Amino acid sequence: RNPNTVIFVAQIIDMTTMVFQERADVLNAAIPSFAAAQSRANSPVIAVDMNTGFDPVTMTDDGVHPNATGDALIAERWLA
């Protein structure tokens, strides 16, 4: 309802679970163009890259959910 809202759309972090990662890769590839197509001057839609540089081996405890290191990277990306 507010025409002056900034919207952030985040890509999904890399995972070690291949079944989910294949789906995440498809979604992640679509997010930047989706955000650009939906963006308006008064209501930008901003894609946040959570995937590049995210290492599920060192940044998660279970291959899916971020640990403190992963949380720090995610926080940096949101802040940027």
N, C-alpha and C. Protein backbone atom coordinates (compact mmCIF):
# COMPACT_ATOMS: atom_id res chain seq x y z
N ARG A 1 0.81 -1.20 0.00
CA ARG A 1 0.00 0.00 0.00
C ARG A 1 0.85 1.26 0.00
N ASN A 2 2.08 1.15 0.50
CA ASN A 2 2.96 2.30 0.50
C ASN A 2 3.78 2.29 -0.80
N PRO A 3 3.59 3.27 -1.66
CA PRO A 3 4.30 3.28 -2.95
C PRO A 3 5.77 3.65 -2.82
N ASN A 4 6.23 3.99 -1.63
CA ASN A 4 7.61 4.41 -1.41
C ASN A 4 8.37 3.44 -0.51
N THR A 5 8.18 2.17 -0.73
CA THR A 5 8.81 1.14 0.08
C THR A 5 10.03 0.57 -0.62
N VAL A 6 11.11 0.40 0.12
CA VAL A 6 12.30 -0.27 -0.40
C VAL A 6 12.17 -1.75 -0.03
N ILE A 7 12.35 -2.62 -1.01
CA ILE A 7 12.21 -4.06 -0.80
C ILE A 7 13.54 -4.73 -1.10
N PHE A 8 13.96 -5.61 -0.19
CA PHE A 8 15.18 -6.39 -0.37
C PHE A 8 14.78 -7.84 -0.61
N VAL A 9 15.38 -8.45 -1.64
CA VAL A 9 15.14 -9.86 -1.94
C VAL A 9 16.50 -10.55 -1.91
N ALA A 10 16.64 -11.52 -1.00
CA ALA A 10 17.93 -12.17 -0.82
C ALA A 10 18.01 -13.49 -1.57
N GLN A 11 19.17 -13.74 -2.14
CA GLN A 11 19.44 -15.05 -2.68
C GLN A 11 19.63 -16.03 -1.53
N ILE A 12 19.53 -17.31 -1.82
CA ILE A 12 19.67 -18.36 -0.83
C ILE A 12 21.14 -18.75 -0.71
N ILE A 13 21.59 -18.98 0.51
CA ILE A 13 22.99 -19.37 0.73
C ILE A 13 23.27 -20.74 0.11
N ASP A 14 24.54 -20.96 -0.18
CA ASP A 14 25.00 -22.24 -0.71
C ASP A 14 24.81 -23.32 0.34
N MET A 15 24.45 -24.53 -0.10
CA MET A 15 24.22 -25.65 0.81
C MET A 15 24.97 -26.89 0.34
N THR A 16 25.22 -27.79 1.25
CA THR A 16 25.87 -29.04 0.87
C THR A 16 24.85 -30.09 0.44
N THR A 17 23.59 -29.85 0.71
CA THR A 17 22.53 -30.79 0.33
C THR A 17 22.21 -30.56 -1.15
N MET A 18 22.69 -31.42 -2.01
CA MET A 18 22.61 -31.19 -3.46
C MET A 18 21.19 -31.05 -3.98
N VAL A 19 20.24 -31.80 -3.46
CA VAL A 19 18.87 -31.69 -3.96
C VAL A 19 18.36 -30.27 -3.76
N PHE A 20 18.60 -29.72 -2.59
CA PHE A 20 18.15 -28.36 -2.32
C PHE A 20 18.99 -27.35 -3.06
N GLN A 21 20.30 -27.59 -3.19
CA GLN A 21 21.17 -26.63 -3.85
C GLN A 21 20.80 -26.45 -5.32
N GLU A 22 20.44 -27.51 -5.98
CA GLU A 22 20.04 -27.39 -7.39
C GLU A 22 18.84 -26.46 -7.51
N ARG A 23 17.88 -26.58 -6.62
CA ARG A 23 16.71 -25.70 -6.63
C ARG A 23 17.11 -24.27 -6.27
N ALA A 24 18.00 -24.14 -5.30
CA ALA A 24 18.46 -22.81 -4.88
C ALA A 24 19.20 -22.12 -6.02
N ASP A 25 20.00 -22.86 -6.78
CA ASP A 25 20.73 -22.27 -7.90
C ASP A 25 19.78 -21.67 -8.94
N VAL A 26 18.70 -22.38 -9.22
CA VAL A 26 17.70 -21.88 -10.17
C VAL A 26 17.08 -20.59 -9.65
N LEU A 27 16.67 -20.61 -8.38
CA LEU A 27 16.07 -19.42 -7.78
C LEU A 27 17.07 -18.27 -7.72
N ASN A 28 18.29 -18.55 -7.28
CA ASN A 28 19.30 -17.50 -7.18
C ASN A 28 19.59 -16.85 -8.52
N ALA A 29 19.59 -17.62 -9.57
CA ALA A 29 19.85 -17.07 -10.90
C ALA A 29 18.73 -16.13 -11.34
N ALA A 30 17.52 -16.39 -10.87
CA ALA A 30 16.37 -15.58 -11.28
C ALA A 30 16.18 -14.31 -10.46
N ILE A 31 16.71 -14.27 -9.26
CA ILE A 31 16.44 -13.16 -8.35
C ILE A 31 16.93 -11.80 -8.87
N PRO A 32 18.16 -11.65 -9.38
CA PRO A 32 18.58 -10.32 -9.84
C PRO A 32 17.68 -9.73 -10.94
N SER A 33 17.32 -10.53 -11.92
CA SER A 33 16.46 -9.99 -12.99
C SER A 33 15.04 -9.73 -12.49
N PHE A 34 14.56 -10.57 -11.57
CA PHE A 34 13.26 -10.33 -10.96
C PHE A 34 13.26 -9.00 -10.22
N ALA A 35 14.29 -8.79 -9.41
CA ALA A 35 14.37 -7.54 -8.65
C ALA A 35 14.43 -6.34 -9.58
N ALA A 36 15.24 -6.43 -10.62
CA ALA A 36 15.35 -5.31 -11.57
C ALA A 36 14.02 -5.04 -12.27
N ALA A 37 13.30 -6.08 -12.63
CA ALA A 37 12.03 -5.91 -13.33
C ALA A 37 10.95 -5.30 -12.44
N GLN A 38 11.02 -5.58 -11.15
CA GLN A 38 10.00 -5.09 -10.22
C GLN A 38 10.35 -3.72 -9.63
N SER A 39 11.59 -3.31 -9.76
CA SER A 39 12.08 -2.08 -9.14
C SER A 39 11.47 -0.85 -9.81
N ARG A 40 11.15 0.13 -8.98
CA ARG A 40 10.63 1.42 -9.44
C ARG A 40 11.46 2.52 -8.77
N ALA A 41 11.48 3.69 -9.37
CA ALA A 41 12.28 4.79 -8.84
C ALA A 41 11.90 5.11 -7.39
N ASN A 42 10.62 5.11 -7.10
CA ASN A 42 10.17 5.44 -5.75
C ASN A 42 10.08 4.21 -4.84
N SER A 43 10.24 3.02 -5.39
CA SER A 43 10.15 1.79 -4.61
C SER A 43 11.12 0.75 -5.18
N PRO A 44 12.41 0.95 -4.90
CA PRO A 44 13.39 0.02 -5.47
C PRO A 44 13.29 -1.37 -4.86
N VAL A 45 13.56 -2.36 -5.70
CA VAL A 45 13.67 -3.74 -5.25
C VAL A 45 15.14 -4.11 -5.43
N ILE A 46 15.79 -4.45 -4.33
CA ILE A 46 17.23 -4.66 -4.32
C ILE A 46 17.54 -6.13 -4.06
N ALA A 47 18.29 -6.75 -4.97
CA ALA A 47 18.73 -8.13 -4.80
C ALA A 47 19.96 -8.15 -3.91
N VAL A 48 19.95 -9.01 -2.91
CA VAL A 48 21.09 -9.16 -1.99
C VAL A 48 21.74 -10.51 -2.26
N ASP A 49 23.01 -10.48 -2.63
CA ASP A 49 23.74 -11.71 -2.96
C ASP A 49 24.23 -12.38 -1.68
N MET A 50 23.52 -13.39 -1.25
CA MET A 50 23.91 -14.15 -0.07
C MET A 50 24.70 -15.40 -0.45
N ASN A 51 24.80 -15.68 -1.73
CA ASN A 51 25.37 -16.94 -2.18
C ASN A 51 26.87 -16.84 -2.46
N THR A 52 27.31 -15.81 -3.15
CA THR A 52 28.71 -15.69 -3.54
C THR A 52 29.61 -15.66 -2.30
N GLY A 53 30.56 -16.55 -2.26
CA GLY A 53 31.51 -16.58 -1.16
C GLY A 53 31.04 -17.30 0.09
N PHE A 54 29.79 -17.76 0.08
CA PHE A 54 29.30 -18.50 1.24
C PHE A 54 29.77 -19.95 1.12
N ASP A 55 30.49 -20.42 2.12
CA ASP A 55 31.03 -21.78 2.12
C ASP A 55 30.27 -22.62 3.14
N PRO A 56 29.42 -23.54 2.67
CA PRO A 56 28.62 -24.32 3.60
C PRO A 56 29.43 -25.25 4.49
N VAL A 57 30.67 -25.55 4.09
CA VAL A 57 31.51 -26.43 4.90
C VAL A 57 32.00 -25.68 6.15
N THR A 58 32.40 -24.43 5.98
CA THR A 58 32.94 -23.66 7.11
C THR A 58 31.95 -22.68 7.73
N MET A 59 30.85 -22.41 7.04
CA MET A 59 29.92 -21.39 7.51
C MET A 59 28.58 -21.95 8.00
N THR A 60 28.50 -23.30 8.08
CA THR A 60 27.32 -23.94 8.66
C THR A 60 27.80 -25.06 9.58
N ASP A 61 26.91 -25.49 10.46
CA ASP A 61 27.24 -26.64 11.30
C ASP A 61 26.69 -27.93 10.72
N ASP A 62 25.69 -27.79 9.85
CA ASP A 62 25.01 -28.98 9.32
C ASP A 62 24.88 -28.97 7.80
N GLY A 63 25.57 -28.06 7.12
CA GLY A 63 25.49 -27.99 5.67
C GLY A 63 24.35 -27.14 5.16
N VAL A 64 23.49 -26.66 6.06
CA VAL A 64 22.33 -25.87 5.64
C VAL A 64 22.19 -24.59 6.48
N HIS A 65 22.22 -24.71 7.79
CA HIS A 65 21.94 -23.58 8.67
C HIS A 65 23.24 -22.87 9.07
N PRO A 66 23.31 -21.54 8.90
CA PRO A 66 24.54 -20.80 9.18
C PRO A 66 24.98 -20.91 10.64
N ASN A 67 26.30 -20.97 10.82
CA ASN A 67 26.89 -20.87 12.16
C ASN A 67 27.29 -19.41 12.36
N ALA A 68 28.07 -19.11 13.40
CA ALA A 68 28.44 -17.73 13.69
C ALA A 68 29.20 -17.09 12.53
N THR A 69 30.06 -17.85 11.88
CA THR A 69 30.81 -17.33 10.73
C THR A 69 29.87 -17.01 9.58
N GLY A 70 28.94 -17.91 9.31
CA GLY A 70 27.95 -17.67 8.27
C GLY A 70 27.04 -16.50 8.60
N ASP A 71 26.65 -16.41 9.86
CA ASP A 71 25.83 -15.28 10.30
C ASP A 71 26.54 -13.95 10.08
N ALA A 72 27.85 -13.93 10.34
CA ALA A 72 28.62 -12.70 10.15
C ALA A 72 28.63 -12.28 8.68
N LEU A 73 28.82 -13.25 7.78
CA LEU A 73 28.80 -12.93 6.35
C LEU A 73 27.43 -12.41 5.93
N ILE A 74 26.38 -13.07 6.40
CA ILE A 74 25.02 -12.64 6.07
C ILE A 74 24.77 -11.22 6.57
N ALA A 75 25.19 -10.94 7.79
CA ALA A 75 25.02 -9.58 8.34
C ALA A 75 25.76 -8.55 7.51
N GLU A 76 26.97 -8.89 7.08
CA GLU A 76 27.74 -7.96 6.22
C GLU A 76 27.01 -7.68 4.92
N ARG A 77 26.42 -8.73 4.33
CA ARG A 77 25.71 -8.56 3.06
C ARG A 77 24.48 -7.67 3.23
N TRP A 78 23.72 -7.90 4.32
CA TRP A 78 22.53 -7.06 4.55
C TRP A 78 22.97 -5.61 4.76
N LEU A 79 24.03 -5.41 5.52
CA LEU A 79 24.50 -4.05 5.80
C LEU A 79 24.94 -3.34 4.53
N ALA A 80 25.65 -4.06 3.67
CA ALA A 80 26.12 -3.46 2.42
C ALA A 80 24.95 -2.99 1.58
